[in-house]
């Protein structure tokens, strides 16, 4: 459950977090689950960094309107491609940040 995952995050048991978020992401289209799993992949918590998989998850979460996913995907698109991840796409990143800014996301409004 997400309660167990949150508790594992608090105690820094990222192996548990990553595995259980992966399972949840396979079973649901919850934008929160997709975003959090993508974040563990971007940060390399509980395993290796996996930018391509993170970007795919973030695309799904963005489609569901998750603002945090919009910002994280924009950050990925503002960097050079790593590990076969998406190519840098500043125009798309700017469009995503404008979307988040319009939703009153403070971080996006700074950009």
PDB file of N, CA and C in Angstrom:
ATOM      1  N   UNK A   1       0.842  -1.185   0.000  1.00  0.00           N
ATOM      2  CA  UNK A   1       0.000   0.000   0.000  1.00  0.00           C
ATOM      3  C   UNK A   1       0.885   1.245   0.000  1.00  0.00           C
ATOM      4  N   UNK A   2       0.286   2.366  -0.363  1.00  0.00           N
ATOM      5  CA  UNK A   2       1.045   3.616  -0.376  1.00  0.00           C
ATOM      6  C   UNK A   2       1.501   4.008   1.031  1.00  0.00           C
ATOM      7  N   UNK A   3       0.752   3.624   2.047  1.00  0.00           N
ATOM      8  CA  UNK A   3       1.163   3.909   3.427  1.00  0.00           C
ATOM      9  C   UNK A   3       2.475   3.193   3.725  1.00  0.00           C
ATOM     10  N   UNK A   4       2.580   1.940   3.307  1.00  0.00           N
ATOM     11  CA  UNK A   4       3.814   1.179   3.510  1.00  0.00           C
ATOM     12  C   UNK A   4       4.972   1.776   2.714  1.00  0.00           C
ATOM     13  N   UNK A   5       4.679   2.217   1.508  1.00  0.00           N
ATOM     14  CA  UNK A   5       5.711   2.824   0.669  1.00  0.00           C
ATOM     15  C   UNK A   5       6.199   4.126   1.290  1.00  0.00           C
ATOM     16  N   UNK A   6       5.281   4.943   1.784  1.00  0.00           N
ATOM     17  CA  UNK A   6       5.664   6.199   2.441  1.00  0.00           C
ATOM     18  C   UNK A   6       6.525   5.924   3.677  1.00  0.00           C
ATOM     19  N   UNK A   7       6.157   4.907   4.441  1.00  0.00           N
ATOM     20  CA  UNK A   7       6.941   4.550   5.631  1.00  0.00           C
ATOM     21  C   UNK A   7       8.337   4.082   5.231  1.00  0.00           C
ATOM     22  N   UNK A   8       8.422   3.305   4.162  1.00  0.00           N
ATOM     23  CA  UNK A   8       9.723   2.835   3.677  1.00  0.00           C
ATOM     24  C   UNK A   8      10.573   4.002   3.190  1.00  0.00           C
ATOM     25  N   UNK A   9       9.938   4.976   2.529  1.00  0.00           N
ATOM     26  CA  UNK A   9      10.677   6.171   2.075  1.00  0.00           C
ATOM     27  C   UNK A   9      11.250   6.905   3.284  1.00  0.00           C
ATOM     28  N   UNK A  10      10.456   7.049   4.325  1.00  0.00           N
ATOM     29  CA  UNK A  10      10.894   7.759   5.529  1.00  0.00           C
ATOM     30  C   UNK A  10      12.089   7.070   6.187  1.00  0.00           C
ATOM     31  N   UNK A  11      12.117   5.741   6.128  1.00  0.00           N
ATOM     32  CA  UNK A  11      13.252   5.026   6.728  1.00  0.00           C
ATOM     33  C   UNK A  11      14.363   4.727   5.713  1.00  0.00           C
ATOM     34  N   UNK A  12      14.201   5.322   4.508  1.00  0.00           N
ATOM     35  CA  UNK A  12      15.185   5.234   3.429  1.00  0.00           C
ATOM     36  C   UNK A  12      15.411   3.807   2.928  1.00  0.00           C
ATOM     37  N   UNK A  13      14.350   3.003   2.943  1.00  0.00           N
ATOM     38  CA  UNK A  13      14.398   1.652   2.375  1.00  0.00           C
ATOM     39  C   UNK A  13      13.964   1.747   0.912  1.00  0.00           C
ATOM     40  N   UNK A  14      14.861   2.272   0.082  1.00  0.00           N
ATOM     41  CA  UNK A  14      14.508   2.574  -1.293  1.00  0.00           C
ATOM     42  C   UNK A  14      14.365   1.338  -2.172  1.00  0.00           C
ATOM     43  N   UNK A  15      14.969   0.214  -1.773  1.00  0.00           N
ATOM     44  CA  UNK A  15      14.732  -1.028  -2.516  1.00  0.00           C
ATOM     45  C   UNK A  15      13.249  -1.395  -2.433  1.00  0.00           C
ATOM     46  N   UNK A  16      12.692  -1.333  -1.226  1.00  0.00           N
ATOM     47  CA  UNK A  16      11.268  -1.624  -1.019  1.00  0.00           C
ATOM     48  C   UNK A  16      10.408  -0.613  -1.779  1.00  0.00           C
ATOM     49  N   UNK A  17      10.767   0.658  -1.656  1.00  0.00           N
ATOM     50  CA  UNK A  17      10.007   1.725  -2.315  1.00  0.00           C
ATOM     51  C   UNK A  17       9.959   1.477  -3.820  1.00  0.00           C
ATOM     52  N   UNK A  18      11.116   1.265  -4.399  1.00  0.00           N
ATOM     53  CA  UNK A  18      11.194   1.112  -5.860  1.00  0.00           C
ATOM     54  C   UNK A  18      10.395  -0.093  -6.342  1.00  0.00           C
ATOM     55  N   UNK A  19      10.579  -1.214  -5.700  1.00  0.00           N
ATOM     56  CA  UNK A  19       9.881  -2.433  -6.117  1.00  0.00           C
ATOM     57  C   UNK A  19       8.366  -2.284  -6.000  1.00  0.00           C
ATOM     58  N   UNK A  20       7.908  -1.714  -4.912  1.00  0.00           N
ATOM     59  CA  UNK A  20       6.466  -1.596  -4.702  1.00  0.00           C
ATOM     60  C   UNK A  20       5.843  -0.503  -5.568  1.00  0.00           C
ATOM     61  N   UNK A  21       6.562   0.567  -5.825  1.00  0.00           N
ATOM     62  CA  UNK A  21       6.054   1.559  -6.766  1.00  0.00           C
ATOM     63  C   UNK A  21       5.986   0.973  -8.171  1.00  0.00           C
ATOM     64  N   UNK A  22       6.972   0.137  -8.528  1.00  0.00           N
ATOM     65  CA  UNK A  22       6.943  -0.526  -9.835  1.00  0.00           C
ATOM     66  C   UNK A  22       5.681  -1.368  -9.971  1.00  0.00           C
ATOM     67  N   UNK A  23       5.388  -2.146  -8.932  1.00  0.00           N
ATOM     68  CA  UNK A  23       4.174  -2.992  -8.966  1.00  0.00           C
ATOM     69  C   UNK A  23       2.913  -2.145  -9.102  1.00  0.00           C
ATOM     70  N   UNK A  24       2.838  -1.088  -8.307  1.00  0.00           N
ATOM     71  CA  UNK A  24       1.666  -0.213  -8.370  1.00  0.00           C
ATOM     72  C   UNK A  24       1.539   0.432  -9.754  1.00  0.00           C
ATOM     73  N   UNK A  25       2.660   0.852 -10.330  1.00  0.00           N
ATOM     74  CA  UNK A  25       2.625   1.501 -11.646  1.00  0.00           C
ATOM     75  C   UNK A  25       2.137   0.536 -12.723  1.00  0.00           C
ATOM     76  N   UNK A  26       2.437  -0.745 -12.569  1.00  0.00           N
ATOM     77  CA  UNK A  26       1.964  -1.743 -13.525  1.00  0.00           C
ATOM     78  C   UNK A  26       0.472  -2.008 -13.386  1.00  0.00           C
ATOM     79  N   UNK A  27      -0.064  -1.772 -12.188  1.00  0.00           N
ATOM     80  CA  UNK A  27      -1.461  -2.107 -11.897  1.00  0.00           C
ATOM     81  C   UNK A  27      -2.416  -0.929 -12.024  1.00  0.00           C
ATOM     82  N   UNK A  28      -1.902   0.282 -12.067  1.00  0.00           N
ATOM     83  CA  UNK A  28      -2.767   1.451 -12.025  1.00  0.00           C
ATOM     84  C   UNK A  28      -2.242   2.553 -12.931  1.00  0.00           C
ATOM     85  N   UNK A  29      -3.099   3.488 -13.253  1.00  0.00           N
ATOM     86  CA  UNK A  29      -2.684   4.684 -13.974  1.00  0.00           C
ATOM     87  C   UNK A  29      -2.669   5.893 -13.051  1.00  0.00           C
ATOM     88  N   UNK A  30      -2.520   5.665 -11.749  1.00  0.00           N
ATOM     89  CA  UNK A  30      -2.470   6.762 -10.795  1.00  0.00           C
ATOM     90  C   UNK A  30      -1.288   7.668 -11.120  1.00  0.00           C
ATOM     91  N   UNK A  31      -1.574   8.931 -11.406  1.00  0.00           N
ATOM     92  CA  UNK A  31      -0.507   9.860 -11.751  1.00  0.00           C
ATOM     93  C   UNK A  31       0.483  10.033 -10.607  1.00  0.00           C
ATOM     94  N   UNK A  32       0.006   9.951  -9.377  1.00  0.00           N
ATOM     95  CA  UNK A  32       0.903  10.071  -8.224  1.00  0.00           C
ATOM     96  C   UNK A  32       1.883   8.906  -8.175  1.00  0.00           C
ATOM     97  N   UNK A  33       1.398   7.695  -8.366  1.00  0.00           N
ATOM     98  CA  UNK A  33       2.269   6.512  -8.365  1.00  0.00           C
ATOM     99  C   UNK A  33       3.265   6.602  -9.515  1.00  0.00           C
ATOM    100  N   UNK A  34       2.794   6.959 -10.709  1.00  0.00           N
ATOM    101  CA  UNK A  34       3.681   7.067 -11.862  1.00  0.00           C
ATOM    102  C   UNK A  34       4.771   8.111 -11.612  1.00  0.00           C
ATOM    103  N   UNK A  35       4.389   9.257 -11.058  1.00  0.00           N
ATOM    104  CA  UNK A  35       5.355  10.314 -10.760  1.00  0.00           C
ATOM    105  C   UNK A  35       6.378   9.855  -9.730  1.00  0.00           C
ATOM    106  N   UNK A  36       5.912   9.258  -8.670  1.00  0.00           N
ATOM    107  CA  UNK A  36       6.851   8.858  -7.609  1.00  0.00           C
ATOM    108  C   UNK A  36       7.798   7.756  -8.080  1.00  0.00           C
ATOM    109  N   UNK A  37       7.285   6.817  -8.863  1.00  0.00           N
ATOM    110  CA  UNK A  37       8.164   5.771  -9.391  1.00  0.00           C
ATOM    111  C   UNK A  37       9.186   6.391 -10.338  1.00  0.00           C
ATOM    112  N   UNK A  38       8.733   7.297 -11.210  1.00  0.00           N
ATOM    113  CA  UNK A  38       9.657   7.963 -12.120  1.00  0.00           C
ATOM    114  C   UNK A  38      10.734   8.717 -11.344  1.00  0.00           C
ATOM    115  N   UNK A  39      10.345   9.351 -10.275  1.00  0.00           N
ATOM    116  CA  UNK A  39      11.311  10.096  -9.462  1.00  0.00           C
ATOM    117  C   UNK A  39      12.384   9.167  -8.887  1.00  0.00           C
ATOM    118  N   UNK A  40      11.991   7.982  -8.428  1.00  0.00           N
ATOM    119  CA  UNK A  40      12.997   7.037  -7.912  1.00  0.00           C
ATOM    120  C   UNK A  40      13.949   6.619  -9.022  1.00  0.00           C
ATOM    121  N   UNK A  41      13.433   6.495 -10.252  1.00  0.00           N
ATOM    122  CA  UNK A  41      14.277   6.103 -11.378  1.00  0.00           C
ATOM    123  C   UNK A  41      15.225   7.228 -11.776  1.00  0.00           C
ATOM    124  N   UNK A  42      14.750   8.462 -11.758  1.00  0.00           N
ATOM    125  CA  UNK A  42      15.600   9.608 -12.095  1.00  0.00           C
ATOM    126  C   UNK A  42      16.699   9.784 -11.060  1.00  0.00           C
ATOM    127  N   UNK A  43      16.355   9.603  -9.801  1.00  0.00           N
ATOM    128  CA  UNK A  43      17.309   9.810  -8.712  1.00  0.00           C
ATOM    129  C   UNK A  43      18.169   8.584  -8.428  1.00  0.00           C
ATOM    130  N   UNK A  44      17.845   7.447  -9.028  1.00  0.00           N
ATOM    131  CA  UNK A  44      18.613   6.227  -8.796  1.00  0.00           C
ATOM    132  C   UNK A  44      18.431   5.669  -7.398  1.00  0.00           C
ATOM    133  N   UNK A  45      17.270   5.857  -6.817  1.00  0.00           N
ATOM    134  CA  UNK A  45      17.004   5.330  -5.473  1.00  0.00           C
ATOM    135  C   UNK A  45      16.551   3.881  -5.578  1.00  0.00           C
ATOM    136  N   UNK A  46      17.231   3.010  -4.870  1.00  0.00           N
ATOM    137  CA  UNK A  46      16.874   1.596  -4.861  1.00  0.00           C
ATOM    138  C   UNK A  46      17.295   0.849  -6.113  1.00  0.00           C
ATOM    139  N   UNK A  47      18.136   1.441  -6.927  1.00  0.00           N
ATOM    140  CA  UNK A  47      18.602   0.801  -8.157  1.00  0.00           C
ATOM    141  C   UNK A  47      19.234   1.829  -9.075  1.00  0.00           C
ATOM    142  N   UNK A  48      19.561   1.399 -10.277  1.00  0.00           N
ATOM    143  CA  UNK A  48      20.231   2.324 -11.199  1.00  0.00           C
ATOM    144  C   UNK A  48      19.299   3.405 -11.736  1.00  0.00           C
ATOM    145  N   UNK A  49      19.886   4.494 -12.165  1.00  0.00           N
ATOM    146  CA  UNK A  49      19.147   5.550 -12.853  1.00  0.00           C
ATOM    147  C   UNK A  49      18.608   4.966 -14.155  1.00  0.00           C
ATOM    148  N   UNK A  50      17.352   5.277 -14.463  1.00  0.00           N
ATOM    149  CA  UNK A  50      16.731   4.786 -15.698  1.00  0.00           C
ATOM    150  C   UNK A  50      15.890   5.918 -16.291  1.00  0.00           C
ATOM    151  N   UNK A  51      16.555   6.797 -17.013  1.00  0.00           N
ATOM    152  CA  UNK A  51      15.895   7.968 -17.585  1.00  0.00           C
ATOM    153  C   UNK A  51      14.848   7.584 -18.638  1.00  0.00           C
ATOM    154  N   UNK A  52      15.128   6.632 -19.531  1.00  0.00           N
ATOM    155  CA  UNK A  52      14.108   6.289 -20.524  1.00  0.00           C
ATOM    156  C   UNK A  52      12.800   5.799 -19.890  1.00  0.00           C
ATOM    157  N   UNK A  53      12.896   4.926 -18.912  1.00  0.00           N
ATOM    158  CA  UNK A  53      11.693   4.421 -18.243  1.00  0.00           C
ATOM    159  C   UNK A  53      11.009   5.542 -17.466  1.00  0.00           C
ATOM    160  N   UNK A  54      11.802   6.382 -16.805  1.00  0.00           N
ATOM    161  CA  UNK A  54      11.229   7.505 -16.061  1.00  0.00           C
ATOM    162  C   UNK A  54      10.463   8.432 -17.002  1.00  0.00           C
ATOM    163  N   UNK A  55      11.042   8.730 -18.153  1.00  0.00           N
ATOM    164  CA  UNK A  55      10.378   9.625 -19.106  1.00  0.00           C
ATOM    165  C   UNK A  55       9.056   9.028 -19.585  1.00  0.00           C
ATOM    166  N   UNK A  56       9.039   7.723 -19.829  1.00  0.00           N
ATOM    167  CA  UNK A  56       7.798   7.073 -20.268  1.00  0.00           C
ATOM    168  C   UNK A  56       6.724   7.162 -19.188  1.00  0.00           C
ATOM    169  N   UNK A  57       7.110   6.940 -17.934  1.00  0.00           N
ATOM    170  CA  UNK A  57       6.167   7.049 -16.825  1.00  0.00           C
ATOM    171  C   UNK A  57       5.670   8.481 -16.667  1.00  0.00           C
ATOM    172  N   UNK A  58       6.582   9.426 -16.801  1.00  0.00           N
ATOM    173  CA  UNK A  58       6.207  10.831 -16.665  1.00  0.00           C
ATOM    174  C   UNK A  58       5.249  11.262 -17.764  1.00  0.00           C
ATOM    175  N   UNK A  59       5.449  10.764 -18.969  1.00  0.00           N
ATOM    176  CA  UNK A  59       4.517  11.082 -20.068  1.00  0.00           C
ATOM    177  C   UNK A  59       3.102  10.646 -19.688  1.00  0.00           C
ATOM    178  N   UNK A  60       2.971   9.471 -19.084  1.00  0.00           N
ATOM    179  CA  UNK A  60       1.658   8.981 -18.659  1.00  0.00           C
ATOM    180  C   UNK A  60       1.073   9.867 -17.564  1.00  0.00           C
ATOM    181  N   UNK A  61       1.911  10.256 -16.608  1.00  0.00           N
ATOM    182  CA  UNK A  61       1.441  11.100 -15.507  1.00  0.00           C
ATOM    183  C   UNK A  61       1.079  12.501 -16.005  1.00  0.00           C
ATOM    184  N   UNK A  62       1.836  13.014 -16.963  1.00  0.00           N
ATOM    185  CA  UNK A  62       1.536  14.320 -17.555  1.00  0.00           C
ATOM    186  C   UNK A  62       0.173  14.270 -18.237  1.00  0.00           C
ATOM    187  N   UNK A  63      -0.096  13.173 -18.929  1.00  0.00           N
ATOM    188  CA  UNK A  63      -1.388  13.017 -19.605  1.00  0.00           C
ATOM    189  C   UNK A  63      -2.549  13.054 -18.615  1.00  0.00           C
ATOM    190  N   UNK A  64      -2.265  12.681 -17.370  1.00  0.00           N
ATOM    191  CA  UNK A  64      -3.280  12.711 -16.306  1.00  0.00           C
ATOM    192  C   UNK A  64      -3.276  14.037 -15.551  1.00  0.00           C
ATOM    193  N   UNK A  65      -2.371  14.955 -15.944  1.00  0.00           N
ATOM    194  CA  UNK A  65      -2.371  16.287 -15.352  1.00  0.00           C
ATOM    195  C   UNK A  65      -1.569  16.462 -14.078  1.00  0.00           C
ATOM    196  N   UNK A  66      -0.638  15.566 -13.791  1.00  0.00           N
ATOM    197  CA  UNK A  66       0.171  15.681 -12.576  1.00  0.00           C
ATOM    198  C   UNK A  66       1.240  16.756 -12.758  1.00  0.00           C
ATOM    199  N   UNK A  67       1.130  17.848 -12.016  1.00  0.00           N
ATOM    200  CA  UNK A  67       2.017  18.997 -12.185  1.00  0.00           C
ATOM    201  C   UNK A  67       3.472  18.663 -11.869  1.00  0.00           C
ATOM    202  N   UNK A  68       3.716  17.879 -10.828  1.00  0.00           N
ATOM    203  CA  UNK A  68       5.089  17.487 -10.514  1.00  0.00           C
ATOM    204  C   UNK A  68       5.721  16.715 -11.655  1.00  0.00           C
ATOM    205  N   UNK A  69       4.935  15.877 -12.300  1.00  0.00           N
ATOM    206  CA  UNK A  69       5.429  15.108 -13.448  1.00  0.00           C
ATOM    207  C   UNK A  69       5.757  16.037 -14.609  1.00  0.00           C
ATOM    208  N   UNK A  70       4.947  17.059 -14.791  1.00  0.00           N
ATOM    209  CA  UNK A  70       5.187  18.037 -15.856  1.00  0.00           C
ATOM    210  C   UNK A  70       6.555  18.685 -15.654  1.00  0.00           C
ATOM    211  N   UNK A  71       6.830  19.094 -14.439  1.00  0.00           N
ATOM    212  CA  UNK A  71       8.098  19.774 -14.144  1.00  0.00           C
ATOM    213  C   UNK A  71       9.284  18.830 -14.276  1.00  0.00           C
ATOM    214  N   UNK A  72       9.167  17.611 -13.753  1.00  0.00           N
ATOM    215  CA  UNK A  72      10.279  16.664 -13.842  1.00  0.00           C
ATOM    216  C   UNK A  72      10.547  16.285 -15.294  1.00  0.00           C
ATOM    217  N   UNK A  73       9.508  16.080 -16.082  1.00  0.00           N
ATOM    218  CA  UNK A  73       9.712  15.775 -17.499  1.00  0.00           C
ATOM    219  C   UNK A  73      10.373  16.960 -18.203  1.00  0.00           C
ATOM    220  N   UNK A  74       9.959  18.176 -17.876  1.00  0.00           N
ATOM    221  CA  UNK A  74      10.592  19.360 -18.469  1.00  0.00           C
ATOM    222  C   UNK A  74      12.077  19.403 -18.129  1.00  0.00           C
ATOM    223  N   UNK A  75      12.421  19.070 -16.904  1.00  0.00           N
ATOM    224  CA  UNK A  75      13.842  19.049 -16.513  1.00  0.00           C
ATOM    225  C   UNK A  75      14.620  18.041 -17.355  1.00  0.00           C
ATOM    226  N   UNK A  76      14.035  16.871 -17.566  1.00  0.00           N
ATOM    227  CA  UNK A  76      14.694  15.848 -18.381  1.00  0.00           C
ATOM    228  C   UNK A  76      14.889  16.367 -19.803  1.00  0.00           C
ATOM    229  N   UNK A  77      13.867  17.025 -20.328  1.00  0.00           N
ATOM    230  CA  UNK A  77      13.929  17.521 -21.702  1.00  0.00           C
ATOM    231  C   UNK A  77      14.863  18.712 -21.869  1.00  0.00           C
ATOM    232  N   UNK A  78      15.274  19.304 -20.773  1.00  0.00           N
ATOM    233  CA  UNK A  78      16.227  20.417 -20.828  1.00  0.00           C
ATOM    234  C   UNK A  78      17.676  19.946 -20.761  1.00  0.00           C
ATOM    235  N   UNK A  79      17.885  18.655 -20.596  1.00  0.00           N
ATOM    236  CA  UNK A  79      19.242  18.115 -20.503  1.00  0.00           C
ATOM    237  C   UNK A  79      19.555  17.292 -21.742  1.00  0.00           C
ATOM    238  N   UNK A  80      20.831  17.088 -21.969  1.00  0.00           N
ATOM    239  CA  UNK A  80      21.238  16.216 -23.068  1.00  0.00           C
ATOM    240  C   UNK A  80      20.807  14.797 -22.776  1.00  0.00           C
ATOM    241  N   UNK A  81      20.542  14.054 -23.822  1.00  0.00           N
ATOM    242  CA  UNK A  81      20.122  12.660 -23.694  1.00  0.00           C
ATOM    243  C   UNK A  81      21.194  11.848 -22.978  1.00  0.00           C
ATOM    244  N   UNK A  82      20.742  11.066 -22.004  1.00  0.00           N
ATOM    245  CA  UNK A  82      21.634  10.163 -21.269  1.00  0.00           C
ATOM    246  C   UNK A  82      21.008   8.791 -21.288  1.00  0.00           C
ATOM    247  N   UNK A  83      21.814   7.775 -21.365  1.00  0.00           N
ATOM    248  CA  UNK A  83      21.317   6.405 -21.252  1.00  0.00           C
ATOM    249  C   UNK A  83      20.134   6.145 -22.181  1.00  0.00           C
ATOM    250  N   UNK A  84      20.228   6.593 -23.409  1.00  0.00           N
ATOM    251  CA  UNK A  84      19.163   6.394 -24.396  1.00  0.00           C
ATOM    252  C   UNK A  84      17.862   7.078 -23.996  1.00  0.00           C
ATOM    253  N   UNK A  85      17.940   8.078 -23.148  1.00  0.00           N
ATOM    254  CA  UNK A  85      16.749   8.834 -22.764  1.00  0.00           C
ATOM    255  C   UNK A  85      16.325   9.741 -23.898  1.00  0.00           C
ATOM    256  N   UNK A  86      15.279  10.494 -23.671  1.00  0.00           N
ATOM    257  CA  UNK A  86      14.802  11.375 -24.731  1.00  0.00           C
ATOM    258  C   UNK A  86      15.833  12.464 -25.042  1.00  0.00           C
ATOM    259  N   UNK A  87      15.866  12.867 -26.293  1.00  0.00           N
ATOM    260  CA  UNK A  87      16.762  13.944 -26.702  1.00  0.00           C
ATOM    261  C   UNK A  87      16.297  15.246 -26.056  1.00  0.00           C
ATOM    262  N   UNK A  88      17.251  16.130 -25.840  1.00  0.00           N
ATOM    263  CA  UNK A  88      16.900  17.440 -25.298  1.00  0.00           C
ATOM    264  C   UNK A  88      15.886  18.099 -26.236  1.00  0.00           C
ATOM    265  N   UNK A  89      14.879  18.699 -25.640  1.00  0.00           N
ATOM    266  CA  UNK A  89      13.821  19.340 -26.410  1.00  0.00           C
ATOM    267  C   UNK A  89      13.371  20.591 -25.651  1.00  0.00           C
ATOM    268  N   UNK A  90      14.166  21.671 -25.760  1.00  0.00           N
ATOM    269  CA  UNK A  90      13.851  22.880 -25.003  1.00  0.00           C
ATOM    270  C   UNK A  90      12.480  23.470 -25.322  1.00  0.00           C
ATOM    271  N   UNK A  91      12.039  23.353 -26.557  1.00  0.00           N
ATOM    272  CA  UNK A  91      10.723  23.896 -26.912  1.00  0.00           C
ATOM    273  C   UNK A  91       9.604  23.167 -26.175  1.00  0.00           C
ATOM    274  N   UNK A  92       9.672  21.843 -26.146  1.00  0.00           N
ATOM    275  CA  UNK A  92       8.648  21.076 -25.422  1.00  0.00           C
ATOM    276  C   UNK A  92       8.756  21.347 -23.932  1.00  0.00           C
ATOM    277  N   UNK A  93       9.991  21.425 -23.425  1.00  0.00           N
ATOM    278  CA  UNK A  93      10.184  21.722 -22.004  1.00  0.00           C
ATOM    279  C   UNK A  93       9.551  23.064 -21.646  1.00  0.00           C
ATOM    280  N   UNK A  94       9.746  24.057 -22.497  1.00  0.00           N
ATOM    281  CA  UNK A  94       9.163  25.377 -22.243  1.00  0.00           C
ATOM    282  C   UNK A  94       7.636  25.302 -22.244  1.00  0.00           C
ATOM    283  N   UNK A  95       7.075  24.533 -23.181  1.00  0.00           N
ATOM    284  CA  UNK A  95       5.617  24.380 -23.232  1.00  0.00           C
ATOM    285  C   UNK A  95       5.105  23.699 -21.967  1.00  0.00           C
ATOM    286  N   UNK A  96       5.832  22.693 -21.494  1.00  0.00           N
ATOM    287  CA  UNK A  96       5.429  22.011 -20.262  1.00  0.00           C
ATOM    288  C   UNK A  96       5.494  22.961 -19.070  1.00  0.00           C
ATOM    289  N   UNK A  97       6.563  23.748 -18.992  1.00  0.00           N
ATOM    290  CA  UNK A  97       6.701  24.680 -17.877  1.00  0.00           C
ATOM    291  C   UNK A  97       5.623  25.759 -17.924  1.00  0.00           C
ATOM    292  N   UNK A  98       5.240  26.178 -19.116  1.00  0.00           N
ATOM    293  CA  UNK A  98       4.152  27.153 -19.230  1.00  0.00           C
ATOM    294  C   UNK A  98       2.838  26.537 -18.750  1.00  0.00           C
ATOM    295  N   UNK A  99       2.647  25.261 -19.055  1.00  0.00           N
ATOM    296  CA  UNK A  99       1.448  24.542 -18.580  1.00  0.00           C
ATOM    297  C   UNK A  99       1.427  24.512 -17.058  1.00  0.00           C
ATOM    298  N   UNK A 100       2.567  24.191 -16.458  1.00  0.00           N
ATOM    299  CA  UNK A 100       2.646  24.127 -14.996  1.00  0.00           C
ATOM    300  C   UNK A 100       2.495  25.515 -14.378  1.00  0.00           C
ATOM    301  N   UNK A 101       3.072  26.522 -15.019  1.00  0.00           N
ATOM    302  CA  UNK A 101       2.949  27.898 -14.511  1.00  0.00           C
ATOM    303  C   UNK A 101       1.492  28.341 -14.536  1.00  0.00           C
ATOM    304  N   UNK A 102       0.774  27.962 -15.586  1.00  0.00           N
ATOM    305  CA  UNK A 102      -0.634  28.321 -15.679  1.00  0.00           C
ATOM    306  C   UNK A 102      -1.455  27.646 -14.580  1.00  0.00           C
ATOM    307  N   UNK A 103      -0.943  26.514 -14.071  1.00  0.00           N
ATOM    308  CA  UNK A 103      -1.597  25.815 -12.966  1.00  0.00           C
ATOM    309  C   UNK A 103      -1.109  26.334 -11.617  1.00  0.00           C
ATOM    310  N   UNK A 104      -0.434  27.498 -11.637  1.00  0.00           N
ATOM    311  CA  UNK A 104       0.058  28.168 -10.418  1.00  0.00           C
ATOM    312  C   UNK A 104       1.141  27.386  -9.688  1.00  0.00           C
ATOM    313  N   UNK A 105       1.947  26.619 -10.426  1.00  0.00           N
ATOM    314  CA  UNK A 105       3.070  25.909  -9.825  1.00  0.00           C
ATOM    315  C   UNK A 105       4.221  26.894  -9.663  1.00  0.00           C
ATOM    316  N   UNK A 106       4.620  27.215  -8.420  1.00  0.00           N
ATOM    317  CA  UNK A 106       5.643  28.243  -8.187  1.00  0.00           C
ATOM    318  C   UNK A 106       6.971  27.971  -8.893  1.00  0.00           C
ATOM    319  N   UNK A 107       7.426  26.725  -8.892  1.00  0.00           N
ATOM    320  CA  UNK A 107       8.713  26.416  -9.534  1.00  0.00           C
ATOM    321  C   UNK A 107       8.668  26.737 -11.023  1.00  0.00           C
ATOM    322  N   UNK A 108       7.569  26.420 -11.678  1.00  0.00           N
ATOM    323  CA  UNK A 108       7.438  26.701 -13.105  1.00  0.00           C
ATOM    324  C   UNK A 108       7.307  28.191 -13.364  1.00  0.00           C
ATOM    325  N   UNK A 109       6.705  28.920 -12.450  1.00  0.00           N
ATOM    326  CA  UNK A 109       6.544  30.352 -12.640  1.00  0.00           C
ATOM    327  C   UNK A 109       7.867  31.084 -12.581  1.00  0.00           C
ATOM    328  N   UNK A 110       8.867  30.490 -11.939  1.00  0.00           N
ATOM    329  CA  UNK A 110      10.196  31.104 -11.867  1.00  0.00           C
ATOM    330  C   UNK A 110      10.946  30.994 -13.182  1.00  0.00           C
ATOM    331  N   UNK A 111      10.546  30.027 -14.018  1.00  0.00           N
ATOM    332  CA  UNK A 111      11.276  29.790 -15.280  1.00  0.00           C
ATOM    333  C   UNK A 111      10.861  30.722 -16.308  1.00  0.00           C
TER     334      UNK A 111
END
